Amino acid sequence: MQRYLQGQKLEHGPDARVLLAVLQMRTTGNWEASWATIQNILKEDPIEPVYSQIDVAVDDEASTAPEKALGWSDERYAILLDRTKADMKGVSPSLTSCMLRAG
């Protein structure tokens, strides 16, 4: 999977990153190992199809490490806010909706 993500043709890149994040979580038993992958998804990929999975990651972390989950929520909101500012003309309503839910 990592070899695929390093390649030039990434038509399935977003799906591969979500799968990678889930596999990282399953390997370690928590979402901390996959947070860097989730950050990449938030910065670069279509958000709408995977947003509920990102919510689950933050909520799961909140049950064991509330302060870390709060930090992740703040990061998620900041990334999405930056992304909407960068793409203001082409921002989809669903990206705005994800940003508002994150806040």
Protein backbone atom coordinates (compact mmCIF):
# COMPACT_ATOMS: atom_id res chain seq x y z
CA MET A 1 0.00 0.00 0.00
CA GLN A 2 2.78 2.44 0.86
CA ARG A 3 4.46 1.62 -2.45
CA TYR A 4 1.20 2.48 -4.22
CA LEU A 5 0.89 5.79 -2.36
CA GLN A 6 4.44 6.72 -3.39
CA GLY A 7 3.66 6.14 -7.08
CA GLN A 8 2.60 8.67 -9.66
CA LYS A 9 -0.85 7.31 -10.59
CA LEU A 10 -3.07 7.69 -7.56
CA GLU A 11 -6.60 7.29 -8.83
CA HIS A 12 -7.41 5.29 -5.70
CA GLY A 13 -5.15 7.28 -3.38
CA PRO A 14 -7.90 8.52 -1.04
CA ASP A 15 -9.27 5.01 -0.52
CA ALA A 16 -5.76 3.65 0.00
CA ARG A 17 -5.02 6.27 2.67
CA VAL A 18 -8.23 5.46 4.56
CA LEU A 19 -7.38 1.77 4.42
CA LEU A 20 -3.85 2.52 5.61
CA ALA A 21 -5.21 4.54 8.58
CA VAL A 22 -7.54 1.71 9.57
CA LEU A 23 -4.75 -0.87 9.29
CA GLN A 24 -2.45 1.31 11.39
CA MET A 25 -5.16 1.56 14.04
CA ARG A 26 -5.77 -2.19 14.04
CA THR A 27 -2.07 -2.93 14.32
CA THR A 28 -1.56 -0.72 17.35
CA GLY A 29 -5.03 -0.83 18.91
CA ASN A 30 -5.45 2.95 18.88
CA TRP A 31 -5.75 5.77 16.38
CA GLU A 32 -2.58 7.60 17.42
CA ALA A 33 -0.45 5.64 14.95
CA SER A 34 -2.76 6.65 12.11
CA TRP A 35 -3.20 10.33 12.98
CA ALA A 36 -0.51 11.45 10.49
CA THR A 37 -2.33 9.54 7.74
CA ILE A 38 -5.64 11.11 8.79
CA GLN A 39 -4.01 14.54 8.64
CA ASN A 40 -2.96 13.84 5.04
CA ILE A 41 -6.51 12.81 4.21
CA LEU A 42 -7.85 16.03 5.73
CA LYS A 43 -5.33 18.12 3.79
CA GLU A 44 -5.47 16.47 0.38
CA ASP A 45 -8.32 14.06 -0.20
CA PRO A 46 -12.06 14.32 -0.73
CA ILE A 47 -13.41 14.57 2.81
CA GLU A 48 -17.05 13.68 2.40
CA PRO A 49 -16.74 9.90 1.89
CA VAL A 50 -14.47 9.38 4.90
CA TYR A 51 -15.54 12.08 7.32
CA SER A 52 -17.60 9.76 9.50
CA GLN A 53 -14.58 7.45 9.89
CA ILE A 54 -12.48 10.41 11.03
CA ASP A 55 -15.22 11.25 13.54
CA VAL A 56 -15.00 7.68 14.87
CA ALA A 57 -11.22 7.98 15.28
CA VAL A 58 -11.55 11.18 17.32
CA ASP A 59 -14.46 9.81 19.36
CA ASP A 60 -12.63 6.54 20.10
CA GLU A 61 -9.58 8.44 21.26
CA ALA A 62 -11.78 10.65 23.46
CA SER A 63 -12.85 7.59 25.45
CA THR A 64 -9.26 6.87 26.54
CA ALA A 65 -7.36 10.14 26.06
CA PRO A 66 -9.75 13.11 26.10
CA GLU A 67 -7.02 15.76 25.95
CA LYS A 68 -5.44 14.16 22.89
CA ALA A 69 -8.83 13.89 21.20
CA LEU A 70 -9.49 17.56 21.89
CA GLY A 71 -6.14 18.41 20.30
CA TRP A 72 -7.03 16.30 17.28
CA SER A 73 -10.40 18.05 17.01
CA ASP A 74 -8.65 21.42 17.08
CA GLU A 75 -6.18 20.26 14.42
CA ARG A 76 -8.95 18.85 12.25
CA TYR A 77 -10.88 22.12 12.41
CA ALA A 78 -7.78 24.19 11.61
CA ILE A 79 -6.88 21.99 8.62
CA LEU A 80 -10.40 22.15 7.23
CA LEU A 81 -10.60 25.90 7.80
CA ASP A 82 -7.30 26.41 5.96
CA ARG A 83 -8.55 24.19 3.18
CA THR A 84 -11.77 26.17 2.74
CA LYS A 85 -9.84 29.44 2.67
CA ALA A 86 -7.47 28.09 0.00
CA ASP A 87 -10.34 26.87 -2.20
CA MET A 88 -12.95 29.53 -1.44
CA LYS A 89 -14.23 29.69 -5.01
CA GLY A 90 -14.62 25.94 -5.38
CA VAL A 91 -15.52 24.91 -1.85
CA SER A 92 -18.23 22.32 -1.87
CA PRO A 93 -21.11 22.71 0.58
CA SER A 94 -20.23 19.33 2.04
CA LEU A 95 -16.67 20.45 2.87
CA THR A 96 -18.13 23.49 4.63
CA SER A 97 -20.54 21.19 6.46
CA CYS A 98 -17.63 18.97 7.61
CA MET A 99 -15.76 22.03 8.82
CA LEU A 100 -18.76 23.26 10.80
CA ARG A 101 -19.28 19.81 12.37
CA ALA A 102 -15.60 19.70 13.32
CA GLY A 103 -15.87 23.09 15.04
